[in-house]
Amino acid sequence: MQKTVDIKDTFISLMQESFKGKRKRKELARWITDNQEKLSSLISRGEFLRVKHGTRGDIREVLDSLEPCPVCSSFKHSVSFSDRDCYFEAEREMDEAVESGKMSIIEKPSWYPEIPDNREVGGIYYECLKCGAVFIVLFPEREFLGSITRIG
């Protein structure tokens, strides 16, 4: 049983390093290929392939399934607000997280090409300082009531 814990900790650490840009994706892919048999007790074949060949979002989802972040797991990962009050509540929660040093406001990440659904609205990008997850909160405009989406 101890072997599984060690491989899990190593796997989580490598995914976090890859996600934060401290380790190349090819290194992660090579490591998980070399340890595929050991990882079979932790993740499904589909998750294995998503980490090996997928996007930042795929790595983030698998990482969250193994070790949810205590800071940002309380935020909804993708939701369109039902009214403007929901938008203002989410904005307040994110601002409180920034003020408490749990999140930071960042520039649009270079790896993120466009706003979801090609909407012509502005937004604010936030990064979790614990796990590196990135969120975008889109401003409400006209009939669009705003949204929050974890993008990476």
N, C-alpha and C. Protein backbone atom coordinates (compact mmCIF):
# COMPACT_ATOMS: atom_id res chain seq x y z
N MET A 1 0.82 -1.20 0.00
CA MET A 1 0.00 0.00 0.00
C MET A 1 0.86 1.26 0.00
N GLN A 2 1.99 1.22 0.69
CA GLN A 2 2.88 2.38 0.74
C GLN A 2 3.36 2.77 -0.65
N LYS A 3 3.58 1.78 -1.55
CA LYS A 3 4.04 2.05 -2.90
C LYS A 3 3.03 2.93 -3.66
N THR A 4 1.74 2.66 -3.48
CA THR A 4 0.70 3.44 -4.15
C THR A 4 0.73 4.89 -3.68
N VAL A 5 0.92 5.10 -2.39
CA VAL A 5 0.99 6.46 -1.86
C VAL A 5 2.18 7.20 -2.46
N ASP A 6 3.33 6.53 -2.52
CA ASP A 6 4.51 7.16 -3.09
C ASP A 6 4.31 7.52 -4.56
N ILE A 7 3.73 6.62 -5.34
CA ILE A 7 3.52 6.89 -6.76
C ILE A 7 2.48 7.99 -6.92
N LYS A 8 1.47 8.00 -6.06
CA LYS A 8 0.45 9.05 -6.12
C LYS A 8 1.07 10.41 -5.83
N ASP A 9 1.86 10.50 -4.77
CA ASP A 9 2.50 11.77 -4.42
C ASP A 9 3.42 12.26 -5.54
N THR A 10 4.19 11.33 -6.10
CA THR A 10 5.08 11.69 -7.20
C THR A 10 4.29 12.15 -8.41
N PHE A 11 3.23 11.43 -8.74
CA PHE A 11 2.39 11.76 -9.89
C PHE A 11 1.75 13.14 -9.71
N ILE A 12 1.22 13.41 -8.53
CA ILE A 12 0.61 14.71 -8.25
C ILE A 12 1.66 15.82 -8.36
N SER A 13 2.81 15.59 -7.80
CA SER A 13 3.89 16.57 -7.86
C SER A 13 4.30 16.88 -9.30
N LEU A 14 4.45 15.84 -10.11
CA LEU A 14 4.84 16.03 -11.51
C LEU A 14 3.75 16.77 -12.29
N MET A 15 2.49 16.44 -12.05
CA MET A 15 1.40 17.14 -12.73
C MET A 15 1.37 18.61 -12.33
N GLN A 16 1.56 18.89 -11.04
CA GLN A 16 1.58 20.28 -10.58
C GLN A 16 2.73 21.05 -11.22
N GLU A 17 3.90 20.44 -11.29
CA GLU A 17 5.04 21.10 -11.93
C GLU A 17 4.77 21.35 -13.41
N SER A 18 4.18 20.39 -14.08
CA SER A 18 3.84 20.56 -15.49
C SER A 18 2.81 21.65 -15.68
N PHE A 19 1.83 21.64 -14.81
CA PHE A 19 0.75 22.63 -14.90
C PHE A 19 1.29 24.04 -14.69
N LYS A 20 2.23 24.19 -13.77
CA LYS A 20 2.79 25.51 -13.48
C LYS A 20 3.92 25.90 -14.43
N GLY A 21 4.25 25.01 -15.38
CA GLY A 21 5.28 25.32 -16.36
C GLY A 21 6.70 25.03 -15.89
N LYS A 22 6.85 24.37 -14.75
CA LYS A 22 8.17 24.06 -14.22
C LYS A 22 8.74 22.77 -14.80
N ARG A 23 7.92 22.00 -15.48
CA ARG A 23 8.34 20.75 -16.10
C ARG A 23 7.67 20.67 -17.46
N LYS A 24 8.41 20.19 -18.45
CA LYS A 24 7.87 20.09 -19.80
C LYS A 24 6.85 18.96 -19.88
N ARG A 25 5.84 19.16 -20.72
CA ARG A 25 4.81 18.15 -20.90
C ARG A 25 5.40 16.83 -21.39
N LYS A 26 6.43 16.90 -22.23
CA LYS A 26 7.05 15.67 -22.74
C LYS A 26 7.67 14.85 -21.61
N GLU A 27 8.23 15.52 -20.62
CA GLU A 27 8.81 14.82 -19.46
C GLU A 27 7.71 14.11 -18.68
N LEU A 28 6.58 14.80 -18.49
CA LEU A 28 5.45 14.20 -17.79
C LEU A 28 4.93 13.00 -18.58
N ALA A 29 4.77 13.15 -19.89
CA ALA A 29 4.28 12.06 -20.73
C ALA A 29 5.22 10.85 -20.67
N ARG A 30 6.51 11.10 -20.69
CA ARG A 30 7.49 10.01 -20.62
C ARG A 30 7.39 9.30 -19.26
N TRP A 31 7.28 10.08 -18.19
CA TRP A 31 7.20 9.48 -16.85
C TRP A 31 5.93 8.64 -16.70
N ILE A 32 4.79 9.17 -17.16
CA ILE A 32 3.56 8.39 -16.98
C ILE A 32 3.54 7.15 -17.88
N THR A 33 4.19 7.22 -19.04
CA THR A 33 4.31 6.03 -19.89
C THR A 33 5.16 4.98 -19.18
N ASP A 34 6.27 5.41 -18.59
CA ASP A 34 7.15 4.48 -17.87
C ASP A 34 6.47 3.87 -16.64
N ASN A 35 5.52 4.58 -16.05
CA ASN A 35 4.86 4.13 -14.81
C ASN A 35 3.39 3.78 -15.01
N GLN A 36 3.02 3.48 -16.25
CA GLN A 36 1.62 3.22 -16.58
C GLN A 36 1.01 2.11 -15.73
N GLU A 37 1.72 1.04 -15.52
CA GLU A 37 1.19 -0.08 -14.75
C GLU A 37 0.91 0.33 -13.30
N LYS A 38 1.83 1.06 -12.68
CA LYS A 38 1.65 1.51 -11.30
C LYS A 38 0.49 2.51 -11.19
N LEU A 39 0.33 3.33 -12.22
CA LEU A 39 -0.72 4.35 -12.19
C LEU A 39 -2.12 3.78 -12.41
N SER A 40 -2.20 2.55 -12.91
CA SER A 40 -3.51 1.97 -13.22
C SER A 40 -4.39 1.84 -11.98
N SER A 41 -3.79 1.79 -10.79
CA SER A 41 -4.58 1.72 -9.57
C SER A 41 -5.09 3.10 -9.13
N LEU A 42 -4.53 4.16 -9.71
CA LEU A 42 -4.91 5.53 -9.33
C LEU A 42 -5.89 6.18 -10.29
N ILE A 43 -5.64 5.96 -11.59
CA ILE A 43 -6.45 6.65 -12.59
C ILE A 43 -6.90 5.67 -13.66
N SER A 44 -7.99 6.03 -14.32
CA SER A 44 -8.52 5.18 -15.40
C SER A 44 -7.66 5.36 -16.65
N ARG A 45 -7.87 4.50 -17.60
CA ARG A 45 -7.14 4.58 -18.88
C ARG A 45 -7.45 5.91 -19.57
N GLY A 46 -8.70 6.34 -19.50
CA GLY A 46 -9.09 7.62 -20.11
C GLY A 46 -8.36 8.80 -19.47
N GLU A 47 -8.28 8.78 -18.14
CA GLU A 47 -7.56 9.85 -17.43
C GLU A 47 -6.07 9.81 -17.78
N PHE A 48 -5.53 8.59 -17.89
CA PHE A 48 -4.13 8.43 -18.28
C PHE A 48 -3.89 9.12 -19.62
N LEU A 49 -4.75 8.85 -20.59
CA LEU A 49 -4.58 9.42 -21.92
C LEU A 49 -4.80 10.93 -21.92
N ARG A 50 -5.72 11.41 -21.08
CA ARG A 50 -5.96 12.86 -20.99
C ARG A 50 -4.75 13.58 -20.44
N VAL A 51 -4.09 12.99 -19.46
CA VAL A 51 -2.88 13.62 -18.90
C VAL A 51 -1.75 13.55 -19.93
N LYS A 52 -1.63 12.43 -20.60
CA LYS A 52 -0.52 12.24 -21.54
C LYS A 52 -0.66 13.11 -22.78
N HIS A 53 -1.87 13.23 -23.32
CA HIS A 53 -2.05 13.90 -24.61
C HIS A 53 -2.96 15.14 -24.55
N GLY A 54 -3.55 15.39 -23.40
CA GLY A 54 -4.58 16.42 -23.32
C GLY A 54 -4.06 17.83 -23.10
N THR A 55 -4.96 18.69 -22.73
CA THR A 55 -4.69 20.10 -22.52
C THR A 55 -4.38 20.37 -21.05
N ARG A 56 -4.07 21.63 -20.77
CA ARG A 56 -3.88 22.06 -19.37
C ARG A 56 -5.12 21.75 -18.55
N GLY A 57 -6.28 21.98 -19.14
CA GLY A 57 -7.54 21.71 -18.46
C GLY A 57 -7.70 20.24 -18.10
N ASP A 58 -7.24 19.36 -19.00
CA ASP A 58 -7.31 17.92 -18.74
C ASP A 58 -6.42 17.54 -17.55
N ILE A 59 -5.21 18.10 -17.53
CA ILE A 59 -4.30 17.83 -16.41
C ILE A 59 -4.93 18.34 -15.12
N ARG A 60 -5.50 19.54 -15.17
CA ARG A 60 -6.11 20.15 -13.98
C ARG A 60 -7.24 19.27 -13.46
N GLU A 61 -8.10 18.73 -14.35
CA GLU A 61 -9.22 17.90 -13.91
C GLU A 61 -8.74 16.61 -13.23
N VAL A 62 -7.74 15.98 -13.80
CA VAL A 62 -7.21 14.75 -13.21
C VAL A 62 -6.55 15.08 -11.87
N LEU A 63 -5.78 16.15 -11.84
CA LEU A 63 -5.14 16.58 -10.60
C LEU A 63 -6.18 16.85 -9.51
N ASP A 64 -7.27 17.54 -9.86
CA ASP A 64 -8.32 17.82 -8.89
C ASP A 64 -9.02 16.56 -8.41
N SER A 65 -9.13 15.56 -9.29
CA SER A 65 -9.79 14.32 -8.86
C SER A 65 -8.92 13.57 -7.85
N LEU A 66 -7.61 13.72 -7.93
CA LEU A 66 -6.70 13.05 -7.00
C LEU A 66 -6.47 13.85 -5.73
N GLU A 67 -6.42 15.16 -5.86
CA GLU A 67 -6.13 16.03 -4.72
C GLU A 67 -6.80 17.39 -4.93
N PRO A 68 -8.06 17.55 -4.52
CA PRO A 68 -8.74 18.83 -4.70
C PRO A 68 -8.03 19.95 -3.94
N CYS A 69 -7.97 21.11 -4.54
CA CYS A 69 -7.32 22.26 -3.92
C CYS A 69 -8.23 22.82 -2.82
N PRO A 70 -7.70 23.02 -1.62
CA PRO A 70 -8.53 23.54 -0.53
C PRO A 70 -8.95 25.00 -0.73
N VAL A 71 -8.26 25.72 -1.61
CA VAL A 71 -8.58 27.13 -1.84
C VAL A 71 -9.66 27.29 -2.91
N CYS A 72 -9.41 26.76 -4.09
CA CYS A 72 -10.32 27.08 -5.19
C CYS A 72 -11.38 26.02 -5.47
N SER A 73 -11.35 24.90 -4.77
CA SER A 73 -12.38 23.88 -5.01
C SER A 73 -13.76 24.37 -4.56
N SER A 74 -13.80 25.42 -3.74
CA SER A 74 -15.10 25.95 -3.31
C SER A 74 -15.75 26.84 -4.38
N PHE A 75 -14.96 27.26 -5.37
CA PHE A 75 -15.52 28.08 -6.45
C PHE A 75 -16.12 27.18 -7.51
N LYS A 76 -17.25 27.59 -8.05
CA LYS A 76 -17.84 26.83 -9.14
C LYS A 76 -16.90 26.90 -10.33
N HIS A 77 -16.75 25.79 -11.05
CA HIS A 77 -15.76 25.74 -12.12
C HIS A 77 -16.29 26.23 -13.45
N SER A 78 -17.57 26.20 -13.66
CA SER A 78 -18.12 26.71 -14.90
C SER A 78 -19.62 26.93 -14.70
N VAL A 79 -19.99 28.19 -14.67
CA VAL A 79 -21.41 28.49 -14.47
C VAL A 79 -21.73 29.84 -15.11
N SER A 80 -22.85 29.89 -15.78
CA SER A 80 -23.40 31.16 -16.24
C SER A 80 -24.35 31.64 -15.15
N PHE A 81 -24.22 32.88 -14.79
CA PHE A 81 -25.02 33.40 -13.68
C PHE A 81 -26.48 33.54 -14.09
N SER A 82 -27.37 33.28 -13.14
CA SER A 82 -28.81 33.34 -13.42
C SER A 82 -29.35 34.76 -13.29
N ASP A 83 -28.64 35.60 -12.57
CA ASP A 83 -29.02 37.01 -12.48
C ASP A 83 -27.79 37.83 -12.09
N ARG A 84 -27.93 39.12 -12.11
CA ARG A 84 -26.77 39.98 -11.83
C ARG A 84 -26.32 39.87 -10.38
N ASP A 85 -27.24 39.54 -9.48
CA ASP A 85 -26.84 39.37 -8.09
C ASP A 85 -25.84 38.22 -7.94
N CYS A 86 -26.04 37.14 -8.70
CA CYS A 86 -25.10 36.01 -8.66
C CYS A 86 -23.73 36.46 -9.14
N TYR A 87 -23.70 37.30 -10.19
CA TYR A 87 -22.42 37.82 -10.67
C TYR A 87 -21.73 38.63 -9.57
N PHE A 88 -22.48 39.53 -8.93
CA PHE A 88 -21.87 40.38 -7.90
C PHE A 88 -21.40 39.56 -6.70
N GLU A 89 -22.11 38.49 -6.37
CA GLU A 89 -21.70 37.62 -5.28
C GLU A 89 -20.39 36.91 -5.62
N ALA A 90 -20.29 36.38 -6.86
CA ALA A 90 -19.06 35.71 -7.28
C ALA A 90 -17.89 36.70 -7.33
N GLU A 91 -18.15 37.90 -7.80
CA GLU A 91 -17.11 38.92 -7.86
C GLU A 91 -16.62 39.25 -6.44
N ARG A 92 -17.56 39.35 -5.51
CA ARG A 92 -17.20 39.63 -4.11
C ARG A 92 -16.35 38.50 -3.53
N GLU A 93 -16.74 37.25 -3.80
CA GLU A 93 -15.98 36.10 -3.29
C GLU A 93 -14.56 36.08 -3.86
N MET A 94 -14.43 36.37 -5.14
CA MET A 94 -13.10 36.38 -5.75
C MET A 94 -12.26 37.53 -5.19
N ASP A 95 -12.88 38.69 -5.01
CA ASP A 95 -12.15 39.83 -4.43
C ASP A 95 -11.68 39.52 -3.01
N GLU A 96 -12.52 38.84 -2.23
CA GLU A 96 -12.12 38.45 -0.87
C GLU A 96 -10.94 37.47 -0.91
N ALA A 97 -10.96 36.56 -1.89
CA ALA A 97 -9.86 35.61 -2.03
C ALA A 97 -8.56 36.33 -2.40
N VAL A 98 -8.67 37.37 -3.22
CA VAL A 98 -7.49 38.17 -3.58
C VAL A 98 -6.97 38.92 -2.36
N GLU A 99 -7.88 39.54 -1.63
CA GLU A 99 -7.48 40.31 -0.44
C GLU A 99 -6.85 39.43 0.64
N SER A 100 -7.29 38.18 0.73
CA SER A 100 -6.75 37.27 1.75
C SER A 100 -5.49 36.55 1.28
N GLY A 101 -5.05 36.82 0.05
CA GLY A 101 -3.82 36.22 -0.45
C GLY A 101 -3.97 34.81 -0.98
N LYS A 102 -5.20 34.39 -1.27
CA LYS A 102 -5.43 33.05 -1.79
C LYS A 102 -5.47 33.02 -3.32
N MET A 103 -5.86 34.13 -3.92
CA MET A 103 -5.94 34.26 -5.37
C MET A 103 -5.25 35.56 -5.76
N SER A 104 -4.88 35.66 -7.04
CA SER A 104 -4.36 36.93 -7.53
C SER A 104 -5.02 37.23 -8.88
N ILE A 105 -5.12 38.50 -9.18
CA ILE A 105 -5.62 38.93 -10.48
C ILE A 105 -4.43 38.93 -11.42
N ILE A 106 -4.61 38.32 -12.59
CA ILE A 106 -3.52 38.20 -13.55
C ILE A 106 -3.95 38.72 -14.91
N GLU A 107 -2.98 38.92 -15.78
CA GLU A 107 -3.25 39.23 -17.18
C GLU A 107 -3.76 37.97 -17.86
N LYS A 108 -4.38 38.14 -19.03
CA LYS A 108 -4.85 36.99 -19.79
C LYS A 108 -3.66 36.08 -20.08
N PRO A 109 -3.76 34.79 -19.73
CA PRO A 109 -2.64 33.88 -19.98
C PRO A 109 -2.35 33.76 -21.48
N SER A 110 -1.09 33.67 -21.82
CA SER A 110 -0.69 33.59 -23.23
C SER A 110 -1.21 32.32 -23.89
N TRP A 111 -1.42 31.26 -23.12
CA TRP A 111 -1.89 30.00 -23.68
C TRP A 111 -3.41 29.98 -23.88
N TYR A 112 -4.10 31.02 -23.44
CA TYR A 112 -5.56 31.06 -23.55
C TYR A 112 -5.94 32.03 -24.66
N PRO A 113 -6.37 31.49 -25.80
CA PRO A 113 -6.52 32.33 -26.99
C PRO A 113 -7.72 33.26 -27.02
N GLU A 114 -8.84 32.86 -26.45
CA GLU A 114 -10.03 33.69 -26.59
C GLU A 114 -10.99 33.50 -25.45
N ILE A 115 -11.94 34.42 -25.35
CA ILE A 115 -12.99 34.33 -24.33
C ILE A 115 -13.96 33.22 -24.73
N PRO A 116 -14.43 32.41 -23.76
CA PRO A 116 -15.35 31.31 -24.09
C PRO A 116 -16.56 31.78 -24.89
N ASP A 117 -17.01 30.94 -25.79
CA ASP A 117 -18.20 31.17 -26.60
C ASP A 117 -18.06 32.40 -27.51
N ASN A 118 -16.82 32.87 -27.70
CA ASN A 118 -16.56 34.03 -28.56
C ASN A 118 -17.40 35.25 -28.20
N ARG A 119 -17.69 35.42 -26.94
CA ARG A 119 -18.47 36.57 -26.49
C ARG A 119 -17.60 37.83 -26.58
N GLU A 120 -18.23 38.92 -26.89
CA GLU A 120 -17.53 40.20 -26.99
C GLU A 120 -17.70 40.96 -25.68
N VAL A 121 -17.31 40.34 -24.58
CA VAL A 121 -17.41 40.98 -23.28
C VAL A 121 -16.05 40.91 -22.60
N GLY A 122 -15.86 41.74 -21.61
CA GLY A 122 -14.62 41.74 -20.87
C GLY A 122 -14.69 40.80 -19.69
N GLY A 123 -13.55 40.60 -19.09
CA GLY A 123 -13.50 39.74 -17.93
C GLY A 123 -12.23 39.96 -17.13
N ILE A 124 -12.19 39.33 -15.98
CA ILE A 124 -11.02 39.40 -15.11
C ILE A 124 -10.51 37.98 -14.93
N TYR A 125 -9.19 37.83 -15.03
CA TYR A 125 -8.55 36.54 -14.85
C TYR A 125 -7.98 36.45 -13.44
N TYR A 126 -8.20 35.30 -12.81
CA TYR A 126 -7.72 35.05 -11.45
C TYR A 126 -6.90 33.78 -11.45
N GLU A 127 -5.86 33.75 -10.61
CA GLU A 127 -5.06 32.54 -10.45
C GLU A 127 -5.04 32.14 -8.99
N CYS A 128 -5.28 30.86 -8.72
CA CYS A 128 -5.18 30.33 -7.37
C CYS A 128 -3.70 30.25 -7.01
N LEU A 129 -3.34 30.85 -5.90
CA LEU A 129 -1.94 30.86 -5.50
C LEU A 129 -1.49 29.54 -4.87
N LYS A 130 -2.42 28.67 -4.55
CA LYS A 130 -2.09 27.37 -3.98
C LYS A 130 -1.79 26.34 -5.08
N CYS A 131 -2.69 26.24 -6.08
CA CYS A 131 -2.55 25.18 -7.08
C CYS A 131 -2.29 25.67 -8.50
N GLY A 132 -2.45 26.96 -8.74
CA GLY A 132 -2.19 27.50 -10.07
C GLY A 132 -3.37 27.47 -11.02
N ALA A 133 -4.55 27.04 -10.56
CA ALA A 133 -5.72 27.05 -11.43
C ALA A 133 -6.05 28.48 -11.84
N VAL A 134 -6.54 28.63 -13.07
CA VAL A 134 -6.86 29.95 -13.60
C VAL A 134 -8.37 30.01 -13.91
N PHE A 135 -8.99 31.09 -13.47
CA PHE A 135 -10.41 31.32 -13.69
C PHE A 135 -10.59 32.61 -14.47
N ILE A 136 -11.69 32.70 -15.22
CA ILE A 136 -12.09 33.96 -15.82
C ILE A 136 -13.51 34.25 -15.37
N VAL A 137 -13.72 35.47 -14.91
CA VAL A 137 -15.06 35.94 -14.58
C VAL A 137 -15.43 36.94 -15.66
N LEU A 138 -16.44 36.59 -16.46
CA LEU A 138 -16.89 37.47 -17.53
C LEU A 138 -17.94 38.43 -17.01
N PHE A 139 -17.79 39.69 -17.40
CA PHE A 139 -18.72 40.74 -16.97
C PHE A 139 -20.09 40.55 -17.62
N PRO A 140 -21.16 40.91 -16.89
CA PRO A 140 -22.48 40.89 -17.51
C PRO A 140 -22.59 42.02 -18.54
N GLU A 141 -23.28 41.75 -19.61
CA GLU A 141 -23.51 42.77 -20.63
C GLU A 141 -24.81 42.44 -21.36
N ARG A 142 -25.70 43.41 -21.39
CA ARG A 142 -27.03 43.25 -21.98
C ARG A 142 -27.71 42.01 -21.42
N GLU A 143 -28.13 41.08 -22.29
CA GLU A 143 -28.86 39.90 -21.78
C GLU A 143 -27.91 38.85 -21.19
N PHE A 144 -26.63 38.92 -21.49
CA PHE A 144 -25.66 38.00 -20.90
C PHE A 144 -25.41 38.43 -19.46
N LEU A 145 -25.62 37.52 -18.51
CA LEU A 145 -25.56 37.85 -17.09
C LEU A 145 -24.20 37.59 -16.45
N GLY A 146 -23.22 37.23 -17.28
CA GLY A 146 -21.89 36.97 -16.75
C GLY A 146 -21.68 35.49 -16.48
N SER A 147 -20.43 35.12 -16.24
CA SER A 147 -20.12 33.71 -15.95
C SER A 147 -18.77 33.62 -15.26
N ILE A 148 -18.53 32.46 -14.68
CA ILE A 148 -17.21 32.12 -14.14
C ILE A 148 -16.84 30.77 -14.73
N THR A 149 -15.60 30.67 -15.22
CA THR A 149 -15.13 29.43 -15.84
C THR A 149 -13.70 29.20 -15.43
N ARG A 150 -13.41 28.00 -15.01
CA ARG A 150 -12.01 27.63 -14.78
C ARG A 150 -11.44 27.25 -16.13
N ILE A 151 -10.41 27.95 -16.57
CA ILE A 151 -9.87 27.74 -17.91
C ILE A 151 -8.57 26.96 -17.89
N GLY A 152 -8.03 26.72 -16.74
CA GLY A 152 -6.79 25.97 -16.67
C GLY A 152 -6.38 25.70 -15.26
